C-alpha atoms as a PDB file:
ATOM      1  CA  MET A   1      18.168  11.024  20.867  1.00  0.00           C
ATOM      2  CA  SER A   2      17.186   7.639  19.460  1.00  0.00           C
ATOM      3  CA  ALA A   3      15.835   6.978  15.985  1.00  0.00           C
ATOM      4  CA  PRO A   4      12.054   6.714  15.700  1.00  0.00           C
ATOM      5  CA  SER A   5      10.656   3.217  16.141  1.00  0.00           C
ATOM      6  CA  LEU A   6       8.877   1.918  13.021  1.00  0.00           C
ATOM      7  CA  VAL A   7       6.521  -1.040  13.440  1.00  0.00           C
ATOM      8  CA  VAL A   8       4.227  -2.590  10.830  1.00  0.00           C
ATOM      9  CA  ARG A   9       1.093  -4.318  12.119  1.00  0.00           C
ATOM     10  CA  LEU A  10      -0.935  -6.715   9.974  1.00  0.00           C
ATOM     11  CA  GLY A  11      -4.620  -7.299  10.481  1.00  0.00           C
ATOM     12  CA  SER A  12      -8.136  -7.236   9.102  1.00  0.00           C
ATOM     13  CA  TRP A  13      -9.971  -4.091   8.032  1.00  0.00           C
ATOM     14  CA  ALA A  14     -12.155  -4.452  11.135  1.00  0.00           C
ATOM     15  CA  GLU A  15      -8.987  -4.315  13.281  1.00  0.00           C
ATOM     16  CA  LEU A  16      -7.132  -1.541  11.434  1.00  0.00           C
ATOM     17  CA  ALA A  17      -9.759   0.644   9.709  1.00  0.00           C
ATOM     18  CA  ALA A  18      -9.920   3.225  12.499  1.00  0.00           C
ATOM     19  CA  GLU A  19      -6.228   4.045  11.961  1.00  0.00           C
ATOM     20  CA  ALA A  20      -5.705   3.097   8.291  1.00  0.00           C
ATOM     21  CA  GLY A  21      -8.877   4.714   6.933  1.00  0.00           C
ATOM     22  CA  PRO A  22      -7.943   8.308   7.802  1.00  0.00           C
ATOM     23  CA  ILE A  23      -4.491   7.859   6.207  1.00  0.00           C
ATOM     24  CA  ARG A  24      -6.034   6.615   2.967  1.00  0.00           C
ATOM     25  CA  PHE A  25      -8.585   9.431   2.973  1.00  0.00           C
ATOM     26  CA  GLU A  26      -5.911  12.084   3.500  1.00  0.00           C
ATOM     27  CA  VAL A  27      -3.573  10.728   0.809  1.00  0.00           C
ATOM     28  CA  PHE A  28      -6.033   9.605  -1.861  1.00  0.00           C
ATOM     29  CA  VAL A  29      -9.093  11.826  -1.437  1.00  0.00           C
ATOM     30  CA  GLU A  30      -7.694  15.065  -0.026  1.00  0.00           C
ATOM     31  CA  GLU A  31      -4.227  15.089  -1.606  1.00  0.00           C
ATOM     32  CA  GLN A  32      -4.714  13.210  -4.883  1.00  0.00           C
ATOM     33  CA  LYS A  33      -8.385  14.128  -5.428  1.00  0.00           C
ATOM     34  CA  VAL A  34      -9.592  10.551  -5.865  1.00  0.00           C
ATOM     35  CA  PRO A  35     -13.404  10.543  -5.522  1.00  0.00           C
ATOM     36  CA  ALA A  36     -14.291   9.447  -1.979  1.00  0.00           C
ATOM     37  CA  GLU A  37     -16.730   6.821  -3.287  1.00  0.00           C
ATOM     38  CA  MET A  38     -13.857   5.121  -5.190  1.00  0.00           C
ATOM     39  CA  GLU A  39     -11.505   4.960  -2.213  1.00  0.00           C
ATOM     40  CA  LEU A  40     -13.297   2.365  -0.077  1.00  0.00           C
ATOM     41  CA  ASP A  41     -14.432  -0.831  -1.766  1.00  0.00           C
ATOM     42  CA  GLU A  42     -15.719  -4.332  -1.159  1.00  0.00           C
ATOM     43  CA  PHE A  43     -12.158  -5.712  -1.077  1.00  0.00           C
ATOM     44  CA  ASP A  44     -11.258  -3.990   2.194  1.00  0.00           C
ATOM     45  CA  ALA A  45     -13.210  -6.532   4.243  1.00  0.00           C
ATOM     46  CA  LEU A  46     -11.505  -9.399   2.365  1.00  0.00           C
ATOM     47  CA  SER A  47      -7.911  -8.133   2.510  1.00  0.00           C
ATOM     48  CA  CYS A  48      -4.981  -8.344   4.874  1.00  0.00           C
ATOM     49  CA  HIS A  49      -4.070  -4.773   5.829  1.00  0.00           C
ATOM     50  CA  ALA A  50      -0.740  -3.362   6.956  1.00  0.00           C
ATOM     51  CA  LEU A  51      -0.442  -0.330   9.211  1.00  0.00           C
ATOM     52  CA  ALA A  52       2.868   1.460   9.747  1.00  0.00           C
ATOM     53  CA  LEU A  53       3.302   3.028  13.170  1.00  0.00           C
ATOM     54  CA  LEU A  54       6.153   5.439  13.853  1.00  0.00           C
ATOM     55  CA  ASP A  55       6.623   5.831  17.598  1.00  0.00           C
ATOM     56  CA  GLY A  56       3.051   4.585  17.919  1.00  0.00           C
ATOM     57  CA  GLN A  57       1.573   7.093  15.433  1.00  0.00           C
ATOM     58  CA  PRO A  58      -0.147   5.684  12.313  1.00  0.00           C
ATOM     59  CA  VAL A  59       1.713   7.060   9.265  1.00  0.00           C
ATOM     60  CA  GLY A  60       1.104   4.582   6.420  1.00  0.00           C
ATOM     61  CA  THR A  61      -0.987   1.695   5.190  1.00  0.00           C
ATOM     62  CA  GLY A  62      -1.422  -0.849   2.405  1.00  0.00           C
ATOM     63  CA  ARG A  63      -3.355  -4.034   1.723  1.00  0.00           C
ATOM     64  CA  LEU A  64      -2.943  -7.522   0.259  1.00  0.00           C
ATOM     65  CA  LEU A  65      -5.911  -9.082  -1.520  1.00  0.00           C
ATOM     66  CA  ALA A  66      -6.518 -12.833  -1.530  1.00  0.00           C
ATOM     67  CA  ASP A  67      -5.536 -12.988  -5.229  1.00  0.00           C
ATOM     68  CA  GLY A  68      -2.059 -11.538  -4.616  1.00  0.00           C
ATOM     69  CA  HIS A  69      -2.771  -7.908  -5.492  1.00  0.00           C
ATOM     70  CA  ILE A  70      -1.125  -5.293  -3.315  1.00  0.00           C
ATOM     71  CA  GLY A  71      -2.897  -1.966  -3.186  1.00  0.00           C
ATOM     72  CA  ARG A  72      -3.968   1.162  -1.357  1.00  0.00           C
ATOM     73  CA  MET A  73      -0.348   1.915  -0.457  1.00  0.00           C
ATOM     74  CA  ALA A  74      -0.405   5.300   1.267  1.00  0.00           C
ATOM     75  CA  VAL A  75       2.099   7.169   3.444  1.00  0.00           C
ATOM     76  CA  LEU A  76       1.308  10.539   4.993  1.00  0.00           C
ATOM     77  CA  ALA A  77       3.194  13.329   3.203  1.00  0.00           C
ATOM     78  CA  GLY A  78       5.374  14.250   6.172  1.00  0.00           C
ATOM     79  CA  TRP A  79       6.757  10.716   6.453  1.00  0.00           C
ATOM     80  CA  ARG A  80       7.557   9.899   2.819  1.00  0.00           C
ATOM     81  CA  GLY A  81      11.138   9.087   1.880  1.00  0.00           C
ATOM     82  CA  GLN A  82      11.899   7.728   5.348  1.00  0.00           C
ATOM     83  CA  GLY A  83      11.435   3.999   4.779  1.00  0.00           C
ATOM     84  CA  VAL A  84       7.765   3.776   5.769  1.00  0.00           C
ATOM     85  CA  GLY A  85       6.548   2.662   2.339  1.00  0.00           C
ATOM     86  CA  ALA A  86       9.417   0.173   2.059  1.00  0.00           C
ATOM     87  CA  ALA A  87       8.551  -1.350   5.438  1.00  0.00           C
ATOM     88  CA  LEU A  88       4.869  -1.614   4.464  1.00  0.00           C
ATOM     89  CA  LEU A  89       5.599  -3.188   1.087  1.00  0.00           C
ATOM     90  CA  GLN A  90       8.093  -5.664   2.562  1.00  0.00           C
ATOM     91  CA  ALA A  91       5.579  -6.695   5.234  1.00  0.00           C
ATOM     92  CA  LEU A  92       2.936  -7.335   2.558  1.00  0.00           C
ATOM     93  CA  ILE A  93       5.413  -9.265   0.363  1.00  0.00           C
ATOM     94  CA  ASP A  94       6.418 -11.367   3.396  1.00  0.00           C
ATOM     95  CA  GLU A  95       2.762 -12.062   4.238  1.00  0.00           C
ATOM     96  CA  ALA A  96       2.103 -13.100   0.627  1.00  0.00           C
ATOM     97  CA  GLY A  97       5.013 -15.531   0.931  1.00  0.00           C
ATOM     98  CA  ARG A  98       3.554 -16.993   4.131  1.00  0.00           C
ATOM     99  CA  ARG A  99       0.280 -17.476   2.248  1.00  0.00           C
ATOM    100  CA  GLY A 100       2.041 -19.294  -0.611  1.00  0.00           C
ATOM    101  CA  MET A 101       1.305 -16.661  -3.259  1.00  0.00           C
ATOM    102  CA  ALA A 102       3.592 -17.357  -6.230  1.00  0.00           C
ATOM    103  CA  GLN A 103       2.911 -14.076  -8.029  1.00  0.00           C
ATOM    104  CA  LEU A 104       2.065 -10.606  -6.803  1.00  0.00           C
ATOM    105  CA  ALA A 105       0.565  -7.756  -8.800  1.00  0.00           C
ATOM    106  CA  LEU A 106      -0.132  -4.105  -8.196  1.00  0.00           C
ATOM    107  CA  SER A 107      -1.303  -1.018  -9.981  1.00  0.00           C
ATOM    108  CA  ALA A 108       1.416   1.582  -9.427  1.00  0.00           C
ATOM    109  CA  GLN A 109       1.013   5.290  -9.889  1.00  0.00           C
ATOM    110  CA  THR A 110       3.671   6.042 -12.503  1.00  0.00           C
ATOM    111  CA  HIS A 111       5.667   8.324 -10.199  1.00  0.00           C
ATOM    112  CA  ALA A 112       6.253   5.283  -7.942  1.00  0.00           C
ATOM    113  CA  LEU A 113       7.520   2.820 -10.583  1.00  0.00           C
ATOM    114  CA  GLY A 114      11.123   3.092  -9.394  1.00  0.00           C
ATOM    115  CA  PHE A 115      10.086   2.372  -5.803  1.00  0.00           C
ATOM    116  CA  TYR A 116       8.319  -0.860  -6.777  1.00  0.00           C
ATOM    117  CA  ARG A 117      11.139  -1.913  -9.131  1.00  0.00           C
ATOM    118  CA  ARG A 118      13.488  -1.972  -6.122  1.00  0.00           C
ATOM    119  CA  PHE A 119      11.313  -4.777  -4.720  1.00  0.00           C
ATOM    120  CA  GLY A 120      11.387  -6.839  -7.907  1.00  0.00           C
ATOM    121  CA  PHE A 121       8.154  -5.651  -9.515  1.00  0.00           C
ATOM    122  CA  LEU A 122       8.295  -5.304 -13.299  1.00  0.00           C
ATOM    123  CA  PRO A 123       5.952  -3.214 -15.472  1.00  0.00           C
ATOM    124  CA  GLU A 124       3.472  -4.953 -17.775  1.00  0.00           C
ATOM    125  CA  GLY A 125       1.333  -3.498 -20.529  1.00  0.00           C
ATOM    126  CA  GLU A 126       0.517   0.128 -21.166  1.00  0.00           C
ATOM    127  CA  VAL A 127       0.122   3.049 -18.801  1.00  0.00           C
ATOM    128  CA  TYR A 128      -3.559   3.714 -18.111  1.00  0.00           C
ATOM    129  CA  GLU A 129      -5.607   6.193 -16.139  1.00  0.00           C
ATOM    130  CA  GLU A 130      -7.414   5.346 -12.914  1.00  0.00           C
ATOM    131  CA  ALA A 131      -9.153   7.986 -10.776  1.00  0.00           C
ATOM    132  CA  GLY A 132      -7.545  10.631 -12.980  1.00  0.00           C
ATOM    133  CA  LEU A 133      -4.000   9.428 -12.263  1.00  0.00           C
ATOM    134  CA  PRO A 134      -1.593   7.535 -14.589  1.00  0.00           C
ATOM    135  CA  HIS A 135      -0.993   3.941 -13.461  1.00  0.00           C
ATOM    136  CA  GLN A 136       1.038   0.929 -14.614  1.00  0.00           C
ATOM    137  CA  VAL A 137       0.402  -2.735 -13.827  1.00  0.00           C
ATOM    138  CA  MET A 138       3.457  -4.348 -12.222  1.00  0.00           C
ATOM    139  CA  THR A 139       4.050  -7.992 -11.261  1.00  0.00           C
ATOM    140  CA  ARG A 140       6.558  -9.912  -9.159  1.00  0.00           C
ATOM    141  CA  ARG A 141       7.185 -13.636  -8.991  1.00  0.00           C
ATOM    142  CA  GLY A 142       7.827 -15.355  -5.682  1.00  0.00           C
END
């Protein structure tokens, strides 16, 4: 039996919303109780989105804004801890590099700080609350 095939596709919200949207809704709204009206925003249409497909099934997503912010990182619960988030984040970091972005930033849920540190992101400032969840700003150069 071969290992599952993990592919990350990049595209616009128009191209990926049908597959990425339900993942975000399940993770943020259903699981983490983020208000549905906060989950989608005006930045979706302006961002580069990443969609992780495991044997063709959508299992994770994230986005890169034009200002270098990475956000809306979400992996379905059954696929966490299997490299999906790492593949998504690396694809977004690589795309930022192709776009010449010298600094990246993100707002990490505090339970994920260690994950982002492994990719060179460093915490800045104080922990704050967003959508009822503790977050920390993190940045990465180059």
